[in-house]
Amino acid sequence: MRHLVLATLLSLALPLYAQEAPSPDGPPPASHAAPQPRNDQDIETLKVNVNLVNVYFSVRDKNGFITNLKKDDCQIFEDKEPQVTKNFTQEKKLPLTIGILLDTSGSQQNVLPLEQQSGAEFLKDVITPKDEAFLISFDINVDLLADYTNDPRALKRAMDKAIINTGAGTGSVTGNGSPRGTLLYDAVYLAAHDKLRQEAGRKVLVLLTDGGDQGSQENLKSAIEAAQKSNAIVYVIMIADRGFYGGFGMMYNGAGDMDRLAKETGGRVINVGNNGKKLKDAFDQIQDELRTQYLASYTPTNPKVDGTFRTLNITCGKDQKVQARKGYYALADSMGNND
């Protein structure tokens, strides 16, 4: 299934790459100067210095978000080893890339209109001309409803076109005998790996769902890993049609998994039930957090680019709660652009 959807996403993304114009200049003239002596120590120093790890985080105490911290107020630890912070800024205007993942399975029948209205208002408020957003729906399929755009009206039109798909008369792309399915983990994986991994700056996924997954080829672990490798923060808004579940007992059977998905990527879970006001408040909370984030950069004391997972911990003083991703993968294609 992943390859089918992957081809769809990439075919939609191709025009973005096709717009890159070739350089008008030809190759530089050949140099006849004698080669300079190579200093391996200088080369190694340069290699290490450019391998910055960037970490976005927010800090709260009992009174709310803290917005006046300085570099010396916080300490970063990688695999429990203290790191030297090189850059420390509060990021209010850095370009933002947002992916909205909309659960359109049968359990969302009566809350989909709330999601469409509040999601469109959120994008209208948060998207600026330098930001971009895309929209994915997931049920028995994963569909790209809107590719990258900074036009809130286009995003609203795409969101309004989302419909509930229970598979009646269409079957399931998973190949299961039953058309039932909610490809939640596949949607997270594809959004992170195919859409966000090559993007720079702040990257956020907002997932609207009851947390249930059936039929995905990916699992919780691979979805988290894809989000971490793309350095995307995942917010999960837990929303459900109580009537679909016949009460409260069966709601949110994936709540624990959603909590792990959010926390390990630096986001969090917000439970709104089927309350429209709480849903709007949830989007407001996410917007507030995005406006109070800090960006800290450091060169890791462990310079190896070996693909291993490095744990991160940030402390900013007593009684202050730091919300940040739990680690990163030391990959050749992300070191030096770990934002």
C-alpha atoms as a PDB file:
ATOM      1  CA  MET A   1       0.000   0.000   0.000  1.00  0.00           C
ATOM      2  CA  ARG A   2       2.792   2.357   0.926  1.00  0.00           C
ATOM      3  CA  HIS A   3       4.265   2.200  -2.541  1.00  0.00           C
ATOM      4  CA  LEU A   4       0.913   2.982  -4.160  1.00  0.00           C
ATOM      5  CA  VAL A   5       0.359   6.035  -1.986  1.00  0.00           C
ATOM      6  CA  LEU A   6       4.023   6.987  -2.186  1.00  0.00           C
ATOM      7  CA  ALA A   7       3.762   7.176  -5.966  1.00  0.00           C
ATOM      8  CA  THR A   8       0.698   9.389  -5.650  1.00  0.00           C
ATOM      9  CA  LEU A   9       2.385  11.771  -3.238  1.00  0.00           C
ATOM     10  CA  LEU A  10       5.555  11.966  -5.261  1.00  0.00           C
ATOM     11  CA  SER A  11       3.682  12.583  -8.504  1.00  0.00           C
ATOM     12  CA  LEU A  12       1.946  15.524  -6.841  1.00  0.00           C
ATOM     13  CA  ALA A  13       5.219  16.816  -5.457  1.00  0.00           C
ATOM     14  CA  LEU A  14       7.134  16.605  -8.731  1.00  0.00           C
ATOM     15  CA  PRO A  15       6.012  20.036 -10.022  1.00  0.00           C
ATOM     16  CA  LEU A  16       7.643  21.587  -6.962  1.00  0.00           C
ATOM     17  CA  TYR A  17      11.027  20.218  -7.955  1.00  0.00           C
ATOM     18  CA  ALA A  18      10.480  20.970 -11.627  1.00  0.00           C
ATOM     19  CA  GLN A  19      10.214  24.668 -10.829  1.00  0.00           C
ATOM     20  CA  GLU A  20      13.853  24.881  -9.829  1.00  0.00           C
ATOM     21  CA  ALA A  21      15.586  26.738 -12.664  1.00  0.00           C
ATOM     22  CA  PRO A  22      19.053  25.580 -13.776  1.00  0.00           C
ATOM     23  CA  SER A  23      21.952  27.836 -13.030  1.00  0.00           C
ATOM     24  CA  PRO A  24      22.525  30.336 -15.867  1.00  0.00           C
ATOM     25  CA  ASP A  25      26.265  30.209 -15.338  1.00  0.00           C
ATOM     26  CA  GLY A  26      28.400  27.576 -16.964  1.00  0.00           C
ATOM     27  CA  PRO A  27      31.109  25.602 -15.145  1.00  0.00           C
ATOM     28  CA  PRO A  28      33.895  27.709 -13.606  1.00  0.00           C
ATOM     29  CA  PRO A  29      37.094  28.090 -15.643  1.00  0.00           C
ATOM     30  CA  ALA A  30      39.772  25.524 -14.995  1.00  0.00           C
ATOM     31  CA  SER A  31      42.400  26.607 -12.480  1.00  0.00           C
ATOM     32  CA  HIS A  32      46.109  26.184 -13.241  1.00  0.00           C
ATOM     33  CA  ALA A  33      47.225  27.105  -9.725  1.00  0.00           C
ATOM     34  CA  ALA A  34      49.219  24.595  -7.749  1.00  0.00           C
ATOM     35  CA  PRO A  35      47.062  22.543  -5.368  1.00  0.00           C
ATOM     36  CA  GLN A  36      47.108  23.743  -1.779  1.00  0.00           C
ATOM     37  CA  PRO A  37      48.460  21.371   0.861  1.00  0.00           C
ATOM     38  CA  ARG A  38      45.700  19.407   2.532  1.00  0.00           C
ATOM     39  CA  ASN A  39      45.272  19.778   6.246  1.00  0.00           C
ATOM     40  CA  ASP A  40      43.192  16.841   7.450  1.00  0.00           C
ATOM     41  CA  GLN A  41      42.795  18.383  10.890  1.00  0.00           C
ATOM     42  CA  ASP A  42      41.210  21.533   9.418  1.00  0.00           C
ATOM     43  CA  ILE A  43      38.878  19.444   7.269  1.00  0.00           C
ATOM     44  CA  GLU A  44      37.773  17.381  10.250  1.00  0.00           C
ATOM     45  CA  THR A  45      37.220  20.517  12.330  1.00  0.00           C
ATOM     46  CA  LEU A  46      35.052  22.024   9.607  1.00  0.00           C
ATOM     47  CA  LYS A  47      33.076  18.800   9.307  1.00  0.00           C
ATOM     48  CA  VAL A  48      32.297  18.732  13.002  1.00  0.00           C
ATOM     49  CA  ASN A  49      31.471  22.421  13.228  1.00  0.00           C
ATOM     50  CA  VAL A  50      28.788  22.305  10.543  1.00  0.00           C
ATOM     51  CA  ASN A  51      27.053  19.332  12.173  1.00  0.00           C
ATOM     52  CA  LEU A  52      24.676  21.441  14.194  1.00  0.00           C
ATOM     53  CA  VAL A  53      21.711  19.838  15.892  1.00  0.00           C
ATOM     54  CA  ASN A  54      18.719  22.171  16.139  1.00  0.00           C
ATOM     55  CA  VAL A  55      16.082  21.603  18.797  1.00  0.00           C
ATOM     56  CA  TYR A  56      12.755  23.439  19.007  1.00  0.00           C
ATOM     57  CA  PHE A  57      11.143  23.520  22.420  1.00  0.00           C
ATOM     58  CA  SER A  58       8.758  25.433  24.646  1.00  0.00           C
ATOM     59  CA  VAL A  59       8.933  25.997  28.398  1.00  0.00           C
ATOM     60  CA  ARG A  60       6.069  26.360  30.854  1.00  0.00           C
ATOM     61  CA  ASP A  61       5.584  26.833  34.560  1.00  0.00           C
ATOM     62  CA  LYS A  62       2.377  26.979  36.606  1.00  0.00           C
ATOM     63  CA  ASN A  63       1.604  30.429  35.162  1.00  0.00           C
ATOM     64  CA  GLY A  64       1.921  29.457  31.492  1.00  0.00           C
ATOM     65  CA  PHE A  65       4.584  29.744  28.790  1.00  0.00           C
ATOM     66  CA  ILE A  66       7.904  31.386  29.621  1.00  0.00           C
ATOM     67  CA  THR A  67       9.098  33.721  26.871  1.00  0.00           C
ATOM     68  CA  ASN A  68      12.121  35.543  28.335  1.00  0.00           C
ATOM     69  CA  LEU A  69      14.722  32.799  28.664  1.00  0.00           C
ATOM     70  CA  LYS A  70      18.335  33.326  27.606  1.00  0.00           C
ATOM     71  CA  LYS A  71      20.986  30.861  26.448  1.00  0.00           C
ATOM     72  CA  ASP A  72      22.516  30.396  29.900  1.00  0.00           C
ATOM     73  CA  ASP A  73      19.115  29.592  31.420  1.00  0.00           C
ATOM     74  CA  CYS A  74      18.909  26.189  29.735  1.00  0.00           C
ATOM     75  CA  GLN A  75      21.202  23.172  29.458  1.00  0.00           C
ATOM     76  CA  ILE A  76      21.078  20.515  26.721  1.00  0.00           C
ATOM     77  CA  PHE A  77      22.131  16.917  27.330  1.00  0.00           C
ATOM     78  CA  GLU A  78      22.729  14.371  24.568  1.00  0.00           C
ATOM     79  CA  ASP A  79      22.885  10.785  25.817  1.00  0.00           C
ATOM     80  CA  LYS A  80      23.250  12.352  29.294  1.00  0.00           C
ATOM     81  CA  GLU A  81      26.365  14.284  28.242  1.00  0.00           C
ATOM     82  CA  PRO A  82      26.172  18.103  28.587  1.00  0.00           C
ATOM     83  CA  GLN A  83      26.442  20.026  25.321  1.00  0.00           C
ATOM     84  CA  VAL A  84      27.609  23.572  24.611  1.00  0.00           C
ATOM     85  CA  THR A  85      24.751  25.665  23.219  1.00  0.00           C
ATOM     86  CA  LYS A  86      25.954  27.776  20.294  1.00  0.00           C
ATOM     87  CA  ASN A  87      22.759  29.549  19.293  1.00  0.00           C
ATOM     88  CA  PHE A  88      19.624  30.293  21.295  1.00  0.00           C
ATOM     89  CA  THR A  89      16.702  32.284  19.941  1.00  0.00           C
ATOM     90  CA  GLN A  90      12.970  32.567  20.357  1.00  0.00           C
ATOM     91  CA  GLU A  91      11.326  31.611  17.095  1.00  0.00           C
ATOM     92  CA  LYS A  92       8.209  33.597  16.278  1.00  0.00           C
ATOM     93  CA  LYS A  93       8.761  34.317  12.608  1.00  0.00           C
ATOM     94  CA  LEU A  94      10.756  31.360  11.269  1.00  0.00           C
ATOM     95  CA  PRO A  95       8.915  29.727   8.331  1.00  0.00           C
ATOM     96  CA  LEU A  96       6.537  26.995   9.402  1.00  0.00           C
ATOM     97  CA  THR A  97       5.503  23.857   7.540  1.00  0.00           C
ATOM     98  CA  ILE A  98       2.276  22.266   8.772  1.00  0.00           C
ATOM     99  CA  GLY A  99       0.667  18.998   7.816  1.00  0.00           C
ATOM    100  CA  ILE A 100      -2.951  18.427   8.849  1.00  0.00           C
ATOM    101  CA  LEU A 101      -3.879  14.732   9.052  1.00  0.00           C
ATOM    102  CA  LEU A 102      -7.632  14.249   9.065  1.00  0.00           C
ATOM    103  CA  ASP A 103      -9.223  10.980  10.182  1.00  0.00           C
ATOM    104  CA  THR A 104     -12.115  10.290   7.788  1.00  0.00           C
ATOM    105  CA  SER A 105     -12.992   6.789   8.988  1.00  0.00           C
ATOM    106  CA  GLY A 106     -16.503   5.871  10.083  1.00  0.00           C
ATOM    107  CA  SER A 107     -15.893   6.747  13.735  1.00  0.00           C
ATOM    108  CA  GLN A 108     -15.551  10.420  12.742  1.00  0.00           C
ATOM    109  CA  GLN A 109     -18.903  10.697  10.948  1.00  0.00           C
ATOM    110  CA  ASN A 110     -20.494  13.251  13.279  1.00  0.00           C
ATOM    111  CA  VAL A 111     -17.356  15.231  14.219  1.00  0.00           C
ATOM    112  CA  LEU A 112     -15.890  15.743  10.750  1.00  0.00           C
ATOM    113  CA  PRO A 113     -17.775  19.049  10.242  1.00  0.00           C
ATOM    114  CA  LEU A 114     -16.287  20.363  13.521  1.00  0.00           C
ATOM    115  CA  GLU A 115     -12.808  19.348  12.388  1.00  0.00           C
ATOM    116  CA  GLN A 116     -13.258  21.025   9.010  1.00  0.00           C
ATOM    117  CA  GLN A 117     -14.444  24.297  10.526  1.00  0.00           C
ATOM    118  CA  SER A 118     -11.877  24.561  13.323  1.00  0.00           C
ATOM    119  CA  GLY A 119      -9.022  23.273  11.155  1.00  0.00           C
ATOM    120  CA  ALA A 120      -9.726  25.864   8.469  1.00  0.00           C
ATOM    121  CA  GLU A 121      -9.846  28.657  11.068  1.00  0.00           C
ATOM    122  CA  PHE A 122      -6.551  27.473  12.572  1.00  0.00           C
ATOM    123  CA  LEU A 123      -4.799  27.499   9.201  1.00  0.00           C
ATOM    124  CA  LYS A 124      -6.240  30.926   8.391  1.00  0.00           C
ATOM    125  CA  ASP A 125      -4.842  32.315  11.663  1.00  0.00           C
ATOM    126  CA  VAL A 126      -1.433  30.649  11.645  1.00  0.00           C
ATOM    127  CA  ILE A 127      -0.382  30.556   7.966  1.00  0.00           C
ATOM    128  CA  THR A 128       1.597  33.552   6.689  1.00  0.00           C
ATOM    129  CA  PRO A 129       2.913  34.114   3.139  1.00  0.00           C
ATOM    130  CA  LYS A 130       6.235  32.475   4.053  1.00  0.00           C
ATOM    131  CA  ASP A 131       4.612  29.372   5.578  1.00  0.00           C
ATOM    132  CA  GLU A 132       3.244  26.278   3.853  1.00  0.00           C
ATOM    133  CA  ALA A 133       0.692  23.640   4.718  1.00  0.00           C
ATOM    134  CA  PHE A 134      -0.672  20.439   3.229  1.00  0.00           C
ATOM    135  CA  LEU A 135      -3.698  18.291   4.019  1.00  0.00           C
ATOM    136  CA  ILE A 136      -3.957  14.497   4.163  1.00  0.00           C
ATOM    137  CA  SER A 137      -7.029  12.411   4.940  1.00  0.00           C
ATOM    138  CA  PHE A 138      -6.837   8.807   6.063  1.00  0.00           C
ATOM    139  CA  ASP A 139      -9.357   6.003   6.354  1.00  0.00           C
ATOM    140  CA  ILE A 140      -9.007   2.779   4.334  1.00  0.00           C
ATOM    141  CA  ASN A 141      -6.795   4.909   2.062  1.00  0.00           C
ATOM    142  CA  VAL A 142      -4.331   7.758   2.553  1.00  0.00           C
ATOM    143  CA  ASP A 143      -5.092  10.689   0.274  1.00  0.00           C
ATOM    144  CA  LEU A 144      -3.278  13.968  -0.317  1.00  0.00           C
ATOM    145  CA  LEU A 145      -6.166  16.446  -0.431  1.00  0.00           C
ATOM    146  CA  ALA A 146      -4.001  19.562  -0.742  1.00  0.00           C
ATOM    147  CA  ASP A 147      -0.306  19.830  -1.544  1.00  0.00           C
ATOM    148  CA  TYR A 148       1.951  22.575  -0.216  1.00  0.00           C
ATOM    149  CA  THR A 149       0.308  25.990  -0.318  1.00  0.00           C
ATOM    150  CA  ASN A 150       0.204  29.185   1.723  1.00  0.00           C
ATOM    151  CA  ASP A 151      -3.355  29.940   0.611  1.00  0.00           C
ATOM    152  CA  PRO A 152      -5.765  29.336   3.520  1.00  0.00           C
ATOM    153  CA  ARG A 153      -8.740  29.500   1.149  1.00  0.00           C
ATOM    154  CA  ALA A 154      -7.354  26.667  -0.972  1.00  0.00           C
ATOM    155  CA  LEU A 155      -6.764  24.639   2.184  1.00  0.00           C
ATOM    156  CA  LYS A 156     -10.308  25.305   3.362  1.00  0.00           C
ATOM    157  CA  ARG A 157     -11.742  24.184   0.031  1.00  0.00           C
ATOM    158  CA  ALA A 158      -9.729  20.987   0.206  1.00  0.00           C
ATOM    159  CA  MET A 159     -10.747  20.371   3.808  1.00  0.00           C
ATOM    160  CA  ASP A 160     -14.412  20.905   2.995  1.00  0.00           C
ATOM    161  CA  LYS A 161     -14.164  18.199   0.331  1.00  0.00           C
ATOM    162  CA  ALA A 162     -13.074  15.556   2.839  1.00  0.00           C
ATOM    163  CA  ILE A 163     -15.679  12.820   3.201  1.00  0.00           C
ATOM    164  CA  ILE A 164     -16.128   9.812   5.442  1.00  0.00           C
ATOM    165  CA  ASN A 165     -14.967   6.616   3.745  1.00  0.00           C
ATOM    166  CA  THR A 166     -15.847   3.307   5.372  1.00  0.00           C
ATOM    167  CA  GLY A 167     -15.007   1.317   2.258  1.00  0.00           C
ATOM    168  CA  ALA A 168     -18.544   0.513   1.241  1.00  0.00           C
ATOM    169  CA  GLY A 169     -18.451  -0.505  -2.391  1.00  0.00           C
ATOM    170  CA  THR A 170     -14.750   0.254  -2.803  1.00  0.00           C
ATOM    171  CA  GLY A 171     -12.850  -2.317  -0.798  1.00  0.00           C
ATOM    172  CA  SER A 172      -9.664  -1.715   1.129  1.00  0.00           C
ATOM    173  CA  VAL A 173      -6.286  -0.906  -0.342  1.00  0.00           C
ATOM    174  CA  THR A 174      -4.749  -2.949   2.476  1.00  0.00           C
ATOM    175  CA  GLY A 175      -5.873  -6.136   0.788  1.00  0.00           C
ATOM    176  CA  ASN A 176      -7.812  -7.212   3.843  1.00  0.00           C
ATOM    177  CA  GLY A 177     -11.006  -9.166   3.273  1.00  0.00           C
ATOM    178  CA  SER A 178     -12.970  -6.591   5.249  1.00  0.00           C
ATOM    179  CA  PRO A 179     -13.144  -3.007   3.984  1.00  0.00           C
ATOM    180  CA  ARG A 180     -12.854  -1.694   7.535  1.00  0.00           C
ATOM    181  CA  GLY A 181      -9.644   0.091   8.308  1.00  0.00           C
ATOM    182  CA  THR A 182      -8.032   3.292   9.524  1.00  0.00           C
ATOM    183  CA  LEU A 183      -4.514   3.726   8.153  1.00  0.00           C
ATOM    184  CA  LEU A 184      -3.351   6.121  10.852  1.00  0.00           C
ATOM    185  CA  TYR A 185       0.272   4.987  11.111  1.00  0.00           C
ATOM    186  CA  ASP A 186       0.649   4.838   7.337  1.00  0.00           C
ATOM    187  CA  ALA A 187      -0.600   8.428   7.147  1.00  0.00           C
ATOM    188  CA  VAL A 188       1.898   9.653   9.761  1.00  0.00           C
ATOM    189  CA  TYR A 189       4.744   7.794   8.077  1.00  0.00           C
ATOM    190  CA  LEU A 190       3.951   9.157   4.622  1.00  0.00           C
ATOM    191  CA  ALA A 191       3.431  12.712   5.863  1.00  0.00           C
ATOM    192  CA  ALA A 192       6.738  12.679   7.749  1.00  0.00           C
ATOM    193  CA  HIS A 193       8.915  10.673   5.358  1.00  0.00           C
ATOM    194  CA  ASP A 194       7.557  11.773   1.977  1.00  0.00           C
ATOM    195  CA  LYS A 195       6.443  15.333   2.670  1.00  0.00           C
ATOM    196  CA  LEU A 196       8.440  16.792   5.571  1.00  0.00           C
ATOM    197  CA  ARG A 197      11.844  15.141   5.616  1.00  0.00           C
ATOM    198  CA  GLN A 198      13.376  17.382   2.944  1.00  0.00           C
ATOM    199  CA  GLU A 199      11.837  20.563   4.341  1.00  0.00           C
ATOM    200  CA  ALA A 200      13.800  23.007   6.517  1.00  0.00           C
ATOM    201  CA  GLY A 201      12.654  25.102   9.461  1.00  0.00           C
ATOM    202  CA  ARG A 202       9.877  24.277  11.888  1.00  0.00           C
ATOM    203  CA  LYS A 203       7.793  21.269  10.919  1.00  0.00           C
ATOM    204  CA  VAL A 204       4.528  20.288  12.579  1.00  0.00           C
ATOM    205  CA  LEU A 205       1.957  17.550  12.087  1.00  0.00           C
ATOM    206  CA  VAL A 206      -1.506  18.035  13.577  1.00  0.00           C
ATOM    207  CA  LEU A 207      -3.391  14.760  13.767  1.00  0.00           C
ATOM    208  CA  LEU A 208      -7.165  14.758  14.313  1.00  0.00           C
ATOM    209  CA  THR A 209      -8.308  11.257  15.247  1.00  0.00           C
ATOM    210  CA  ASP A 210      -9.724   8.950  17.895  1.00  0.00           C
ATOM    211  CA  GLY A 211      -6.370   7.149  17.892  1.00  0.00           C
ATOM    212  CA  GLY A 212      -7.521   3.861  16.400  1.00  0.00           C
ATOM    213  CA  ASP A 213      -5.490   2.143  13.678  1.00  0.00           C
ATOM    214  CA  GLN A 214      -6.516  -0.872  11.636  1.00  0.00           C
ATOM    215  CA  GLY A 215      -4.715  -2.224   8.616  1.00  0.00           C
ATOM    216  CA  SER A 216      -1.603  -0.033   8.415  1.00  0.00           C
ATOM    217  CA  GLN A 217       1.589  -1.533   7.035  1.00  0.00           C
ATOM    218  CA  GLU A 218       3.507   0.807   9.349  1.00  0.00           C
ATOM    219  CA  ASN A 219       3.265   0.619  13.133  1.00  0.00           C
ATOM    220  CA  LEU A 220       3.652   2.995  16.052  1.00  0.00           C
ATOM    221  CA  LYS A 221       7.420   2.546  16.196  1.00  0.00           C
ATOM    222  CA  SER A 222       8.033   3.223  12.497  1.00  0.00           C
ATOM    223  CA  ALA A 223       5.646   6.193  12.526  1.00  0.00           C
ATOM    224  CA  ILE A 224       7.525   7.742  15.460  1.00  0.00           C
ATOM    225  CA  GLU A 225      10.867   7.040  13.802  1.00  0.00           C
ATOM    226  CA  ALA A 226       9.754   8.714  10.561  1.00  0.00           C
ATOM    227  CA  ALA A 227       8.596  11.791  12.474  1.00  0.00           C
ATOM    228  CA  GLN A 228      11.849  11.946  14.435  1.00  0.00           C
ATOM    229  CA  LYS A 229      13.983  11.580  11.312  1.00  0.00           C
ATOM    230  CA  SER A 230      12.098  14.445   9.685  1.00  0.00           C
ATOM    231  CA  ASN A 231      12.323  16.469  12.933  1.00  0.00           C
ATOM    232  CA  ALA A 232       8.571  16.980  12.930  1.00  0.00           C
ATOM    233  CA  ILE A 233       6.599  17.858  16.061  1.00  0.00           C
ATOM    234  CA  VAL A 234       3.375  15.854  16.278  1.00  0.00           C
ATOM    235  CA  TYR A 235       0.283  17.197  18.019  1.00  0.00           C
ATOM    236  CA  VAL A 236      -2.623  14.786  18.426  1.00  0.00           C
ATOM    237  CA  ILE A 237      -6.122  16.169  18.918  1.00  0.00           C
ATOM    238  CA  MET A 238      -8.212  13.301  20.246  1.00  0.00           C
ATOM    239  CA  ILE A 239     -11.727  13.721  18.928  1.00  0.00           C
ATOM    240  CA  ALA A 240     -14.468  11.108  18.603  1.00  0.00           C
ATOM    241  CA  ASP A 241     -18.098  10.595  17.798  1.00  0.00           C
ATOM    242  CA  ARG A 242     -19.492   9.270  21.065  1.00  0.00           C
ATOM    243  CA  GLY A 243     -22.596   8.032  19.294  1.00  0.00           C
ATOM    244  CA  PHE A 244     -20.459   5.805  17.069  1.00  0.00           C
ATOM    245  CA  TYR A 245     -19.028   4.101  20.144  1.00  0.00           C
ATOM    246  CA  GLY A 246     -22.383   3.902  21.927  1.00  0.00           C
ATOM    247  CA  GLY A 247     -21.026   5.716  24.969  1.00  0.00           C
ATOM    248  CA  PHE A 248     -17.668   6.425  26.535  1.00  0.00           C
ATOM    249  CA  GLY A 249     -16.285   2.964  27.227  1.00  0.00           C
ATOM    250  CA  MET A 250     -14.821   2.207  23.797  1.00  0.00           C
ATOM    251  CA  MET A 251     -13.484   5.674  23.003  1.00  0.00           C
ATOM    252  CA  TYR A 252      -9.791   6.352  22.548  1.00  0.00           C
ATOM    253  CA  ASN A 253      -8.489   2.797  22.690  1.00  0.00           C
ATOM    254  CA  GLY A 254      -5.320   4.168  21.116  1.00  0.00           C
ATOM    255  CA  ALA A 255      -4.832   6.999  23.617  1.00  0.00           C
ATOM    256  CA  GLY A 256      -1.626   5.544  25.074  1.00  0.00           C
ATOM    257  CA  ASP A 257      -0.048   5.136  21.643  1.00  0.00           C
ATOM    258  CA  MET A 258      -1.030   8.658  20.659  1.00  0.00           C
ATOM    259  CA  ASP A 259       0.528  10.015  23.845  1.00  0.00           C
ATOM    260  CA  ARG A 260       3.791   8.275  22.991  1.00  0.00           C
ATOM    261  CA  LEU A 261       3.703   9.500  19.383  1.00  0.00           C
ATOM    262  CA  ALA A 262       3.256  13.091  20.543  1.00  0.00           C
ATOM    263  CA  LYS A 263       5.679  13.141  23.472  1.00  0.00           C
ATOM    264  CA  GLU A 264       8.567  11.464  21.666  1.00  0.00           C
ATOM    265  CA  THR A 265       8.407  14.090  18.914  1.00  0.00           C
ATOM    266  CA  GLY A 266       8.051  17.131  21.185  1.00  0.00           C
ATOM    267  CA  GLY A 267       4.292  17.563  20.897  1.00  0.00           C
ATOM    268  CA  ARG A 268       1.388  16.559  23.092  1.00  0.00           C
ATOM    269  CA  VAL A 269      -2.107  15.111  23.108  1.00  0.00           C
ATOM    270  CA  ILE A 270      -5.184  17.303  23.604  1.00  0.00           C
ATOM    271  CA  ASN A 271      -8.449  15.489  24.328  1.00  0.00           C
ATOM    272  CA  VAL A 272     -11.547  17.336  23.122  1.00  0.00           C
ATOM    273  CA  GLY A 273     -14.224  14.611  23.020  1.00  0.00           C
ATOM    274  CA  ASN A 274     -16.830  15.808  20.537  1.00  0.00           C
ATOM    275  CA  ASN A 275     -16.952  19.371  21.873  1.00  0.00           C
ATOM    276  CA  GLY A 276     -16.560  22.080  19.229  1.00  0.00           C
ATOM    277  CA  LYS A 277     -15.416  24.731  21.720  1.00  0.00           C
ATOM    278  CA  LYS A 278     -12.731  22.420  23.134  1.00  0.00           C
ATOM    279  CA  LEU A 279     -11.582  21.666  19.604  1.00  0.00           C
ATOM    280  CA  LYS A 280     -11.165  25.358  18.842  1.00  0.00           C
ATOM    281  CA  ASP A 281      -9.323  25.798  22.157  1.00  0.00           C
ATOM    282  CA  ALA A 282      -7.014  22.925  21.200  1.00  0.00           C
ATOM    283  CA  PHE A 283      -6.026  24.652  17.958  1.00  0.00           C
ATOM    284  CA  ASP A 284      -5.522  27.892  19.904  1.00  0.00           C
ATOM    285  CA  GLN A 285      -3.195  26.097  22.320  1.00  0.00           C
ATOM    286  CA  ILE A 286      -1.113  24.700  19.467  1.00  0.00           C
ATOM    287  CA  GLN A 287      -0.925  28.141  17.882  1.00  0.00           C
ATOM    288  CA  ASP A 288       0.232  29.666  21.190  1.00  0.00           C
ATOM    289  CA  GLU A 289       2.943  27.030  21.554  1.00  0.00           C
ATOM    290  CA  LEU A 290       4.220  27.637  18.041  1.00  0.00           C
ATOM    291  CA  ARG A 291       4.541  31.333  18.887  1.00  0.00           C
ATOM    292  CA  THR A 292       6.508  30.732  22.090  1.00  0.00           C
ATOM    293  CA  GLN A 293       9.058  28.201  20.867  1.00  0.00           C
ATOM    294  CA  TYR A 294      12.794  28.485  21.339  1.00  0.00           C
ATOM    295  CA  LEU A 295      15.452  27.186  18.969  1.00  0.00           C
ATOM    296  CA  ALA A 296      18.714  25.933  20.477  1.00  0.00           C
ATOM    297  CA  SER A 297      21.642  24.722  18.346  1.00  0.00           C
ATOM    298  CA  TYR A 298      24.724  22.780  19.356  1.00  0.00           C
ATOM    299  CA  THR A 299      27.526  20.705  17.857  1.00  0.00           C
ATOM    300  CA  PRO A 300      27.336  17.259  19.481  1.00  0.00           C
ATOM    301  CA  THR A 301      30.334  16.067  21.468  1.00  0.00           C
ATOM    302  CA  ASN A 302      29.826  12.723  19.723  1.00  0.00           C
ATOM    303  CA  PRO A 303      30.674  13.601  16.081  1.00  0.00           C
ATOM    304  CA  LYS A 304      29.901  10.165  14.623  1.00  0.00           C
ATOM    305  CA  VAL A 305      27.304  10.113  11.848  1.00  0.00           C
ATOM    306  CA  ASP A 306      26.391   6.489  12.418  1.00  0.00           C
ATOM    307  CA  GLY A 307      22.603   6.496  12.230  1.00  0.00           C
ATOM    308  CA  THR A 308      22.161   5.791  15.918  1.00  0.00           C
ATOM    309  CA  PHE A 309      19.441   7.382  18.012  1.00  0.00           C
ATOM    310  CA  ARG A 310      20.677  10.039  20.441  1.00  0.00           C
ATOM    311  CA  THR A 311      18.507  10.922  23.424  1.00  0.00           C
ATOM    312  CA  LEU A 312      17.929  14.588  24.219  1.00  0.00           C
ATOM    313  CA  ASN A 313      17.061  16.245  27.494  1.00  0.00           C
ATOM    314  CA  ILE A 314      16.708  19.974  28.117  1.00  0.00           C
ATOM    315  CA  THR A 315      16.518  21.578  31.548  1.00  0.00           C
ATOM    316  CA  CYS A 316      15.639  25.209  32.169  1.00  0.00           C
ATOM    317  CA  GLY A 317      15.368  25.471  35.928  1.00  0.00           C
ATOM    318  CA  LYS A 318      13.318  24.128  38.774  1.00  0.00           C
ATOM    319  CA  ASP A 319       9.536  23.799  38.361  1.00  0.00           C
ATOM    320  CA  GLN A 320       9.761  24.497  34.638  1.00  0.00           C
ATOM    321  CA  LYS A 321       8.414  21.947  32.166  1.00  0.00           C
ATOM    322  CA  VAL A 322      10.256  21.679  28.858  1.00  0.00           C
ATOM    323  CA  GLN A 323       8.413  20.293  25.844  1.00  0.00           C
ATOM    324  CA  ALA A 324      10.866  18.992  23.237  1.00  0.00           C
ATOM    325  CA  ARG A 325      11.529  15.923  21.144  1.00  0.00           C
ATOM    326  CA  LYS A 326      13.124  13.022  22.974  1.00  0.00           C
ATOM    327  CA  GLY A 327      16.005  12.573  20.563  1.00  0.00           C
ATOM    328  CA  TYR A 328      17.238  12.441  16.979  1.00  0.00           C
ATOM    329  CA  TYR A 329      18.950  10.069  14.557  1.00  0.00           C
ATOM    330  CA  ALA A 330      22.573  10.896  13.639  1.00  0.00           C
ATOM    331  CA  LEU A 331      22.065  10.533   9.891  1.00  0.00           C
ATOM    332  CA  ALA A 332      24.304  11.803   7.112  1.00  0.00           C
ATOM    333  CA  ASP A 333      21.405  13.543   5.363  1.00  0.00           C
ATOM    334  CA  SER A 334      20.148  15.304   8.477  1.00  0.00           C
ATOM    335  CA  MET A 335      23.273  16.298  10.378  1.00  0.00           C
ATOM    336  CA  GLY A 336      23.972  19.916   9.571  1.00  0.00           C
ATOM    337  CA  ASN A 337      20.304  20.458   8.697  1.00  0.00           C
ATOM    338  CA  ASN A 338      18.719  19.050  11.815  1.00  0.00           C
ATOM    339  CA  ASP A 339      15.907  21.525  11.916  1.00  0.00           C
END
